[in-house]
C-alpha atoms as a PDB file:
ATOM      1  CA  MET A   1      86.904  74.573 101.684  1.00  0.00           C
ATOM      2  CA  LYS A   2      85.178  77.652 100.313  1.00  0.00           C
ATOM      3  CA  LEU A   3      87.497  80.559  99.543  1.00  0.00           C
ATOM      4  CA  ILE A   4      86.140  83.891 100.715  1.00  0.00           C
ATOM      5  CA  PRO A   5      87.089  86.956  98.639  1.00  0.00           C
ATOM      6  CA  ALA A   6      88.815  89.722 100.570  1.00  0.00           C
ATOM      7  CA  ASN A   7      87.687  93.333 100.761  1.00  0.00           C
ATOM      8  CA  GLU A   8      88.712  96.400 102.775  1.00  0.00           C
ATOM      9  CA  LYS A   9      87.125  95.015 105.949  1.00  0.00           C
ATOM     10  CA  LYS A  10      87.223  91.251 105.393  1.00  0.00           C
ATOM     11  CA  ASP A  11      90.153  88.846 105.205  1.00  0.00           C
ATOM     12  CA  GLY A  12      90.313  86.384 102.333  1.00  0.00           C
ATOM     13  CA  ILE A  13      91.714  85.547  98.931  1.00  0.00           C
ATOM     14  CA  ILE A  14      92.532  88.095  96.225  1.00  0.00           C
ATOM     15  CA  LEU A  15      92.280  86.777  92.659  1.00  0.00           C
ATOM     16  CA  PRO A  16      92.914  88.719  89.429  1.00  0.00           C
ATOM     17  CA  GLY A  17      89.861  90.800  88.565  1.00  0.00           C
ATOM     18  CA  ALA A  18      87.546  88.726  90.780  1.00  0.00           C
ATOM     19  CA  THR A  19      86.259  91.672  92.830  1.00  0.00           C
ATOM     20  CA  GLU A  20      86.257  95.449  92.810  1.00  0.00           C
ATOM     21  CA  TYR A  21      88.696  95.284  95.733  1.00  0.00           C
ATOM     22  CA  ALA A  22      91.177  93.172  93.713  1.00  0.00           C
ATOM     23  CA  ARG A  23      90.875  95.538  90.762  1.00  0.00           C
ATOM     24  CA  SER A  24      91.383  98.581  93.032  1.00  0.00           C
ATOM     25  CA  LEU A  25      94.698  97.083  94.175  1.00  0.00           C
ATOM     26  CA  GLY A  26      95.688  96.565  90.531  1.00  0.00           C
ATOM     27  CA  VAL A  27      95.249  92.783  90.531  1.00  0.00           C
ATOM     28  CA  THR A  28      93.513  92.584  87.162  1.00  0.00           C
ATOM     29  CA  LYS A  29      92.994  89.802  84.620  1.00  0.00           C
ATOM     30  CA  ASP A  30      94.863  91.691  81.903  1.00  0.00           C
ATOM     31  CA  ARG A  31      98.000  92.022  84.063  1.00  0.00           C
ATOM     32  CA  PHE A  32      98.083  88.798  86.099  1.00  0.00           C
ATOM     33  CA  SER A  33      97.547  85.167  85.131  1.00  0.00           C
ATOM     34  CA  LYS A  34      94.711  83.149  86.604  1.00  0.00           C
ATOM     35  CA  LYS A  35      97.337  81.250  88.654  1.00  0.00           C
ATOM     36  CA  THR A  36      98.008  84.402  90.722  1.00  0.00           C
ATOM     37  CA  PHE A  37      96.610  84.601  94.238  1.00  0.00           C
ATOM     38  CA  LEU A  38      97.151  86.809  97.258  1.00  0.00           C
ATOM     39  CA  TRP A  39      95.764  86.599 100.798  1.00  0.00           C
ATOM     40  CA  LYS A  40      94.660  89.498 102.979  1.00  0.00           C
ATOM     41  CA  LEU A  41      94.969  88.814 106.699  1.00  0.00           C
ATOM     42  CA  GLY A  42      94.281  91.865 108.838  1.00  0.00           C
ATOM     43  CA  ASP A  43      96.735  94.570 107.815  1.00  0.00           C
ATOM     44  CA  GLU A  44      98.928  92.132 105.871  1.00  0.00           C
ATOM     45  CA  VAL A  45      98.789  91.013 102.243  1.00  0.00           C
ATOM     46  CA  TYR A  46     100.584  87.773 101.402  1.00  0.00           C
ATOM     47  CA  PHE A  47     101.656  87.384  97.781  1.00  0.00           C
ATOM     48  CA  SER A  48     101.358  83.603  97.668  1.00  0.00           C
ATOM     49  CA  PHE A  49     101.868  83.209  93.922  1.00  0.00           C
ATOM     50  CA  VAL A  50     102.314  85.939  91.328  1.00  0.00           C
ATOM     51  CA  GLU A  51     102.588  85.554  87.563  1.00  0.00           C
ATOM     52  CA  THR A  52     102.255  88.616  85.359  1.00  0.00           C
ATOM     53  CA  THR A  53     101.033  88.500  81.784  1.00  0.00           C
ATOM     54  CA  ASN A  54     103.915  90.684  80.626  1.00  0.00           C
ATOM     55  CA  GLU A  55     107.075  90.570  82.755  1.00  0.00           C
ATOM     56  CA  GLY A  56     109.014  93.758  83.421  1.00  0.00           C
ATOM     57  CA  GLN A  57     106.114  96.204  83.050  1.00  0.00           C
ATOM     58  CA  GLY A  58     105.913  97.154  86.757  1.00  0.00           C
ATOM     59  CA  TYR A  59     102.575  95.427  87.397  1.00  0.00           C
ATOM     60  CA  PHE A  60     103.819  93.698  90.554  1.00  0.00           C
ATOM     61  CA  ARG A  61     105.454  96.893  91.854  1.00  0.00           C
ATOM     62  CA  GLU A  62     102.206  98.813  91.292  1.00  0.00           C
ATOM     63  CA  VAL A  63     100.204  96.332  93.375  1.00  0.00           C
ATOM     64  CA  VAL A  64     102.820  96.471  96.148  1.00  0.00           C
ATOM     65  CA  GLU A  65     102.710 100.289  96.129  1.00  0.00           C
ATOM     66  CA  ASN A  66      98.888 100.234  96.226  1.00  0.00           C
ATOM     67  CA  CYS A  67      98.984  97.896  99.225  1.00  0.00           C
ATOM     68  CA  LEU A  68     101.585  99.998 101.052  1.00  0.00           C
ATOM     69  CA  SER A  69      99.674 103.228 100.388  1.00  0.00           C
ATOM     70  CA  ARG A  70      96.635 101.669 102.094  1.00  0.00           C
ATOM     71  CA  GLY A  71      98.689 100.789 105.158  1.00  0.00           C
ATOM     72  CA  TYR A  72      99.153  97.087 104.470  1.00  0.00           C
ATOM     73  CA  THR A  73     102.332  95.178 105.185  1.00  0.00           C
ATOM     74  CA  VAL A  74     103.388  93.184 102.112  1.00  0.00           C
ATOM     75  CA  LYS A  75     104.684  89.654 102.707  1.00  0.00           C
ATOM     76  CA  ILE A  76     106.316  87.299 100.205  1.00  0.00           C
ATOM     77  CA  PRO A  77     106.624  83.746 101.555  1.00  0.00           C
ATOM     78  CA  SER A  78     109.483  81.603 100.235  1.00  0.00           C
ATOM     79  CA  PRO A  79     110.270  83.544  97.052  1.00  0.00           C
ATOM     80  CA  ILE A  80     112.008  81.675  94.243  1.00  0.00           C
ATOM     81  CA  GLY A  81     113.628  82.653  90.958  1.00  0.00           C
ATOM     82  CA  ARG A  82     112.882  86.170  89.764  1.00  0.00           C
ATOM     83  CA  MET A  83     110.826  86.955  92.894  1.00  0.00           C
ATOM     84  CA  GLN A  84     113.877  86.268  95.087  1.00  0.00           C
ATOM     85  CA  GLN A  85     115.845  88.837  93.070  1.00  0.00           C
ATOM     86  CA  ILE A  86     113.005  91.360  93.358  1.00  0.00           C
ATOM     87  CA  VAL A  87     112.722  91.157  97.163  1.00  0.00           C
ATOM     88  CA  GLU A  88     116.479  91.396  97.657  1.00  0.00           C
ATOM     89  CA  LYS A  89     116.801  94.363  95.275  1.00  0.00           C
ATOM     90  CA  ASN A  90     113.818  96.321  96.602  1.00  0.00           C
ATOM     91  CA  GLY A  91     114.446  96.497 100.337  1.00  0.00           C
ATOM     92  CA  TYR A  92     112.296  93.681 101.673  1.00  0.00           C
ATOM     93  CA  LYS A  93     113.388  92.414 105.099  1.00  0.00           C
ATOM     94  CA  TYR A  94     114.037  88.718 105.674  1.00  0.00           C
ATOM     95  CA  THR A  95     111.989  87.186 108.490  1.00  0.00           C
ATOM     96  CA  GLU A  96     110.708  83.777 109.479  1.00  0.00           C
ATOM     97  CA  GLU A  97     107.193  82.804 110.526  1.00  0.00           C
ATOM     98  CA  VAL A  98     105.693  79.614 111.879  1.00  0.00           C
ATOM     99  CA  SER A  99     103.127  78.170 109.470  1.00  0.00           C
ATOM    100  CA  LYS A 100      99.740  76.769 110.502  1.00  0.00           C
ATOM    101  CA  ILE A 101     101.248  73.289 110.472  1.00  0.00           C
ATOM    102  CA  GLY A 102     104.206  74.321 112.636  1.00  0.00           C
ATOM    103  CA  ASP A 103     106.942  74.630 109.996  1.00  0.00           C
ATOM    104  CA  LEU A 104     109.312  77.582 109.925  1.00  0.00           C
ATOM    105  CA  VAL A 105     108.761  79.559 106.707  1.00  0.00           C
ATOM    106  CA  GLU A 106     110.958  82.220 105.100  1.00  0.00           C
ATOM    107  CA  VAL A 107     108.942  85.433 104.612  1.00  0.00           C
ATOM    108  CA  TRP A 108     110.211  88.668 103.061  1.00  0.00           C
ATOM    109  CA  VAL A 109     108.461  91.767 104.398  1.00  0.00           C
ATOM    110  CA  LYS A 110     107.957  95.299 103.106  1.00  0.00           C
ATOM    111  CA  ARG A 111     106.215  98.057 105.031  1.00  0.00           C
ATOM    112  CA  ASP A 112     105.855 101.732 104.341  1.00  0.00           C
ATOM    113  CA  ASP A 113     107.970 102.589 107.384  1.00  0.00           C
ATOM    114  CA  PHE A 114     111.087 100.659 106.281  1.00  0.00           C
END
């Protein structure tokens, strides 16, 4: 399966520093590991896996704020560890979604209007 990079008008994957669009959101190679990947689907950005190069510097928060300021809904599926603490502390709302294979998945949501 070929992964298509996202941009303002096209859905797809967002990888650190891979495109101007990724860099404009703040997803850069100097701030995020190569393991990091996000998905843009319509007006939603899913943070599938996030690993910063220097924890506690606000890199993740900056990307979230950039997404929200552009009108995107931020979604964090099945957060674990530190990410679970972040979503609970920062006003994300717990929801559930049905995955493509029919499983119920925990998703934490943040929008500019709540």
